[in-house]
C-alpha atoms as a PDB file:
ATOM      1  CA  UNK A   1      -5.814  -8.222   2.741  1.00  0.00           C
ATOM      2  CA  UNK A   2      -4.866 -10.662  -0.041  1.00  0.00           C
ATOM      3  CA  UNK A   3      -7.551 -13.201   1.256  1.00  0.00           C
ATOM      4  CA  UNK A   4     -10.550 -11.000   0.362  1.00  0.00           C
ATOM      5  CA  UNK A   5      -9.319 -10.083  -3.040  1.00  0.00           C
ATOM      6  CA  UNK A   6      -8.396 -13.857  -3.770  1.00  0.00           C
ATOM      7  CA  UNK A   7     -11.894 -14.800  -2.444  1.00  0.00           C
ATOM      8  CA  UNK A   8     -13.670 -12.057  -4.513  1.00  0.00           C
ATOM      9  CA  UNK A   9     -11.766 -13.361  -7.820  1.00  0.00           C
ATOM     10  CA  UNK A  10     -12.611 -17.037  -6.854  1.00  0.00           C
ATOM     11  CA  UNK A  11     -16.391 -16.291  -6.414  1.00  0.00           C
ATOM     12  CA  UNK A  12     -16.493 -14.222  -9.561  1.00  0.00           C
ATOM     13  CA  UNK A  13     -14.901 -16.919 -11.507  1.00  0.00           C
ATOM     14  CA  UNK A  14     -17.247 -19.488 -10.201  1.00  0.00           C
ATOM     15  CA  UNK A  15     -20.435 -17.494 -10.977  1.00  0.00           C
ATOM     16  CA  UNK A  16     -19.167 -17.520 -14.589  1.00  0.00           C
ATOM     17  CA  UNK A  17     -17.877 -21.036 -14.762  1.00  0.00           C
ATOM     18  CA  UNK A  18     -21.230 -22.433 -13.081  1.00  0.00           C
ATOM     19  CA  UNK A  19     -23.433 -20.519 -15.476  1.00  0.00           C
ATOM     20  CA  UNK A  20     -24.721 -18.311 -12.717  1.00  0.00           C
ATOM     21  CA  UNK A  21     -24.390 -15.166 -14.725  1.00  0.00           C
ATOM     22  CA  UNK A  22     -27.109 -13.200 -12.721  1.00  0.00           C
ATOM     23  CA  UNK A  23     -24.840 -13.078  -9.635  1.00  0.00           C
ATOM     24  CA  UNK A  24     -22.027 -11.559 -12.123  1.00  0.00           C
ATOM     25  CA  UNK A  25     -23.121  -7.735 -11.811  1.00  0.00           C
ATOM     26  CA  UNK A  26     -23.277  -8.056  -7.875  1.00  0.00           C
ATOM     27  CA  UNK A  27     -19.507  -8.114  -7.958  1.00  0.00           C
ATOM     28  CA  UNK A  28     -19.341  -4.675  -9.095  1.00  0.00           C
ATOM     29  CA  UNK A  29     -20.324  -1.115  -7.700  1.00  0.00           C
ATOM     30  CA  UNK A  30     -23.576   0.624  -9.027  1.00  0.00           C
ATOM     31  CA  UNK A  31     -21.282   2.989 -10.927  1.00  0.00           C
ATOM     32  CA  UNK A  32     -18.641   0.666 -12.291  1.00  0.00           C
ATOM     33  CA  UNK A  33     -16.701   0.040 -15.407  1.00  0.00           C
ATOM     34  CA  UNK A  34     -16.240  -3.408 -17.079  1.00  0.00           C
ATOM     35  CA  UNK A  35     -14.257  -3.584 -20.454  1.00  0.00           C
ATOM     36  CA  UNK A  36     -12.562  -6.176 -22.234  1.00  0.00           C
ATOM     37  CA  UNK A  37      -9.828  -4.890 -24.441  1.00  0.00           C
ATOM     38  CA  UNK A  38      -6.559  -5.870 -26.021  1.00  0.00           C
ATOM     39  CA  UNK A  39      -3.071  -5.450 -24.422  1.00  0.00           C
ATOM     40  CA  UNK A  40      -2.060  -3.118 -27.455  1.00  0.00           C
ATOM     41  CA  UNK A  41      -5.210  -0.998 -26.979  1.00  0.00           C
ATOM     42  CA  UNK A  42      -4.753  -0.905 -23.395  1.00  0.00           C
ATOM     43  CA  UNK A  43      -1.146   0.275 -23.537  1.00  0.00           C
ATOM     44  CA  UNK A  44      -2.175   2.959 -25.970  1.00  0.00           C
ATOM     45  CA  UNK A  45      -4.793   4.215 -23.670  1.00  0.00           C
ATOM     46  CA  UNK A  46      -7.618   3.514 -26.026  1.00  0.00           C
ATOM     47  CA  UNK A  47     -10.965   3.735 -24.109  1.00  0.00           C
ATOM     48  CA  UNK A  48     -13.234   1.560 -26.012  1.00  0.00           C
ATOM     49  CA  UNK A  49     -13.491  -2.189 -25.720  1.00  0.00           C
ATOM     50  CA  UNK A  50     -14.746  -5.216 -27.173  1.00  0.00           C
ATOM     51  CA  UNK A  51     -17.357  -5.347 -24.307  1.00  0.00           C
ATOM     52  CA  UNK A  52     -17.949  -2.099 -22.366  1.00  0.00           C
ATOM     53  CA  UNK A  53     -20.122  -1.334 -19.629  1.00  0.00           C
ATOM     54  CA  UNK A  54     -20.250   1.607 -17.362  1.00  0.00           C
ATOM     55  CA  UNK A  55     -22.857   0.543 -14.757  1.00  0.00           C
ATOM     56  CA  UNK A  56     -24.315  -2.545 -12.744  1.00  0.00           C
ATOM     57  CA  UNK A  57     -27.431  -1.970 -14.671  1.00  0.00           C
ATOM     58  CA  UNK A  58     -25.622  -2.341 -17.893  1.00  0.00           C
ATOM     59  CA  UNK A  59     -24.072  -5.455 -16.766  1.00  0.00           C
ATOM     60  CA  UNK A  60     -27.242  -6.917 -15.841  1.00  0.00           C
ATOM     61  CA  UNK A  61     -28.675  -5.914 -19.162  1.00  0.00           C
ATOM     62  CA  UNK A  62     -25.991  -8.031 -20.847  1.00  0.00           C
ATOM     63  CA  UNK A  63     -26.887 -10.920 -18.682  1.00  0.00           C
ATOM     64  CA  UNK A  64     -30.533 -10.453 -19.680  1.00  0.00           C
ATOM     65  CA  UNK A  65     -29.533 -10.354 -23.388  1.00  0.00           C
ATOM     66  CA  UNK A  66     -27.303 -13.417 -23.028  1.00  0.00           C
ATOM     67  CA  UNK A  67     -30.312 -15.318 -21.621  1.00  0.00           C
ATOM     68  CA  UNK A  68     -33.081 -14.069 -23.797  1.00  0.00           C
ATOM     69  CA  UNK A  69     -32.019 -12.398 -27.089  1.00  0.00           C
ATOM     70  CA  UNK A  70     -28.263 -13.429 -28.092  1.00  0.00           C
ATOM     71  CA  UNK A  71     -27.859 -16.545 -30.049  1.00  0.00           C
ATOM     72  CA  UNK A  72     -24.571 -18.226 -29.572  1.00  0.00           C
ATOM     73  CA  UNK A  73     -23.039 -21.466 -29.630  1.00  0.00           C
ATOM     74  CA  UNK A  74     -23.402 -23.272 -26.297  1.00  0.00           C
ATOM     75  CA  UNK A  75     -20.214 -23.287 -24.389  1.00  0.00           C
ATOM     76  CA  UNK A  76     -18.785 -23.287 -20.860  1.00  0.00           C
ATOM     77  CA  UNK A  77     -15.737 -21.425 -19.193  1.00  0.00           C
ATOM     78  CA  UNK A  78     -13.222 -22.542 -16.943  1.00  0.00           C
ATOM     79  CA  UNK A  79     -11.183 -19.677 -15.299  1.00  0.00           C
ATOM     80  CA  UNK A  80      -7.608 -20.119 -13.913  1.00  0.00           C
ATOM     81  CA  UNK A  81      -6.768 -17.032 -12.002  1.00  0.00           C
ATOM     82  CA  UNK A  82      -3.333 -16.283 -10.767  1.00  0.00           C
ATOM     83  CA  UNK A  83      -2.430 -14.496  -7.403  1.00  0.00           C
ATOM     84  CA  UNK A  84      -3.346 -10.872  -7.300  1.00  0.00           C
ATOM     85  CA  UNK A  85      -0.649  -8.157  -7.176  1.00  0.00           C
ATOM     86  CA  UNK A  86      -1.875  -5.543  -5.176  1.00  0.00           C
ATOM     87  CA  UNK A  87      -0.414  -2.358  -6.272  1.00  0.00           C
ATOM     88  CA  UNK A  88      -2.296   0.074  -4.103  1.00  0.00           C
ATOM     89  CA  UNK A  89      -3.888   0.105  -0.800  1.00  0.00           C
ATOM     90  CA  UNK A  90      -6.323   2.504   0.758  1.00  0.00           C
ATOM     91  CA  UNK A  91      -7.286   2.336   4.512  1.00  0.00           C
ATOM     92  CA  UNK A  92      -6.151  -1.260   4.859  1.00  0.00           C
ATOM     93  CA  UNK A  93      -7.951  -2.498   1.873  1.00  0.00           C
ATOM     94  CA  UNK A  94      -6.639  -3.396  -1.696  1.00  0.00           C
ATOM     95  CA  UNK A  95      -7.757  -0.513  -3.998  1.00  0.00           C
ATOM     96  CA  UNK A  96      -5.729  -1.683  -7.244  1.00  0.00           C
ATOM     97  CA  UNK A  97      -4.566  -4.957  -8.319  1.00  0.00           C
ATOM     98  CA  UNK A  98      -3.526  -6.706 -11.369  1.00  0.00           C
ATOM     99  CA  UNK A  99      -4.337 -10.632 -11.617  1.00  0.00           C
ATOM    100  CA  UNK A 100      -3.421 -12.932 -14.415  1.00  0.00           C
ATOM    101  CA  UNK A 101      -5.816 -15.103 -15.728  1.00  0.00           C
ATOM    102  CA  UNK A 102      -6.535 -17.927 -18.504  1.00  0.00           C
ATOM    103  CA  UNK A 103      -9.847 -18.746 -19.499  1.00  0.00           C
ATOM    104  CA  UNK A 104     -10.573 -22.183 -21.063  1.00  0.00           C
ATOM    105  CA  UNK A 105     -13.705 -22.716 -23.371  1.00  0.00           C
ATOM    106  CA  UNK A 106     -15.397 -26.119 -23.189  1.00  0.00           C
ATOM    107  CA  UNK A 107     -17.479 -26.762 -26.382  1.00  0.00           C
ATOM    108  CA  UNK A 108     -20.932 -28.709 -26.332  1.00  0.00           C
ATOM    109  CA  UNK A 109     -19.145 -31.438 -28.104  1.00  0.00           C
ATOM    110  CA  UNK A 110     -16.519 -31.406 -25.275  1.00  0.00           C
ATOM    111  CA  UNK A 111     -13.458 -29.999 -26.802  1.00  0.00           C
ATOM    112  CA  UNK A 112     -11.425 -27.657 -24.742  1.00  0.00           C
ATOM    113  CA  UNK A 113      -9.384 -24.606 -26.040  1.00  0.00           C
ATOM    114  CA  UNK A 114      -7.616 -21.924 -24.498  1.00  0.00           C
ATOM    115  CA  UNK A 115     -10.008 -18.955 -25.038  1.00  0.00           C
ATOM    116  CA  UNK A 116      -8.349 -16.194 -23.601  1.00  0.00           C
ATOM    117  CA  UNK A 117      -5.315 -15.129 -21.384  1.00  0.00           C
ATOM    118  CA  UNK A 118      -4.249 -11.775 -19.978  1.00  0.00           C
ATOM    119  CA  UNK A 119      -4.756  -9.640 -16.867  1.00  0.00           C
ATOM    120  CA  UNK A 120      -7.418  -8.231 -14.754  1.00  0.00           C
ATOM    121  CA  UNK A 121      -6.608  -4.525 -13.947  1.00  0.00           C
ATOM    122  CA  UNK A 122      -8.853  -3.945 -11.046  1.00  0.00           C
ATOM    123  CA  UNK A 123      -9.756  -0.837  -8.850  1.00  0.00           C
ATOM    124  CA  UNK A 124     -11.572  -1.890  -5.947  1.00  0.00           C
ATOM    125  CA  UNK A 125     -13.655  -0.501  -3.073  1.00  0.00           C
ATOM    126  CA  UNK A 126     -15.142  -1.716   0.141  1.00  0.00           C
ATOM    127  CA  UNK A 127     -19.005  -1.186   0.078  1.00  0.00           C
ATOM    128  CA  UNK A 128     -21.300  -2.620   2.833  1.00  0.00           C
ATOM    129  CA  UNK A 129     -18.572  -4.807   4.216  1.00  0.00           C
ATOM    130  CA  UNK A 130     -17.768  -6.572   0.790  1.00  0.00           C
ATOM    131  CA  UNK A 131     -15.026  -5.745  -1.595  1.00  0.00           C
ATOM    132  CA  UNK A 132     -16.314  -5.099  -4.992  1.00  0.00           C
ATOM    133  CA  UNK A 133     -14.918  -3.870  -8.495  1.00  0.00           C
ATOM    134  CA  UNK A 134     -15.341  -0.281  -9.417  1.00  0.00           C
ATOM    135  CA  UNK A 135     -13.319  -1.012 -12.571  1.00  0.00           C
ATOM    136  CA  UNK A 136     -12.348  -4.258 -14.065  1.00  0.00           C
ATOM    137  CA  UNK A 137     -10.399  -3.914 -17.432  1.00  0.00           C
ATOM    138  CA  UNK A 138      -9.838  -7.346 -18.976  1.00  0.00           C
ATOM    139  CA  UNK A 139      -6.680  -6.882 -20.772  1.00  0.00           C
ATOM    140  CA  UNK A 140      -6.131  -9.692 -23.207  1.00  0.00           C
ATOM    141  CA  UNK A 141      -2.791 -10.923 -24.332  1.00  0.00           C
ATOM    142  CA  UNK A 142      -3.799 -11.570 -27.803  1.00  0.00           C
ATOM    143  CA  UNK A 143      -5.173  -8.930 -30.237  1.00  0.00           C
ATOM    144  CA  UNK A 144      -7.036 -11.758 -31.963  1.00  0.00           C
ATOM    145  CA  UNK A 145     -10.203 -12.340 -29.966  1.00  0.00           C
ATOM    146  CA  UNK A 146     -12.565 -15.024 -30.894  1.00  0.00           C
ATOM    147  CA  UNK A 147     -16.093 -13.553 -32.220  1.00  0.00           C
ATOM    148  CA  UNK A 148     -17.804 -15.977 -29.846  1.00  0.00           C
ATOM    149  CA  UNK A 149     -17.049 -13.795 -26.929  1.00  0.00           C
ATOM    150  CA  UNK A 150     -20.456 -13.739 -25.423  1.00  0.00           C
ATOM    151  CA  UNK A 151     -20.043 -14.767 -21.911  1.00  0.00           C
ATOM    152  CA  UNK A 152     -18.000 -12.313 -19.687  1.00  0.00           C
ATOM    153  CA  UNK A 153     -14.358 -13.071 -18.928  1.00  0.00           C
END
């Protein structure tokens, strides 16, 4: 049970860290929610996010815009993901989990900075034999989010 979730998180991070952004939407269900928000806003139940998408198609559009339209400083991420804490199980499959993360940003000049830290608050489903995210709320510890938030966390 834990293994599938750890593998999902590892593959998710690898797709982002290795600039294989086109794979990123495939980790989600067709009708999903992906949101990046602050811990303060999350605790207050505020629905808006710094990044918000409510379908796999919206995630794919985001990737397309990152590749074709958006202009941002060349950078790379390195995810360091903690062990998931499964908070709910349905039919022997983790259905809710919280997982801590730290994302390092490596600039084109080679500087490495801590870019973001926080928790993933996930709702998961088994779909076609694969565990997928139905909801991934990326809850950042800091209320100060860098304006260079282009690549998904």
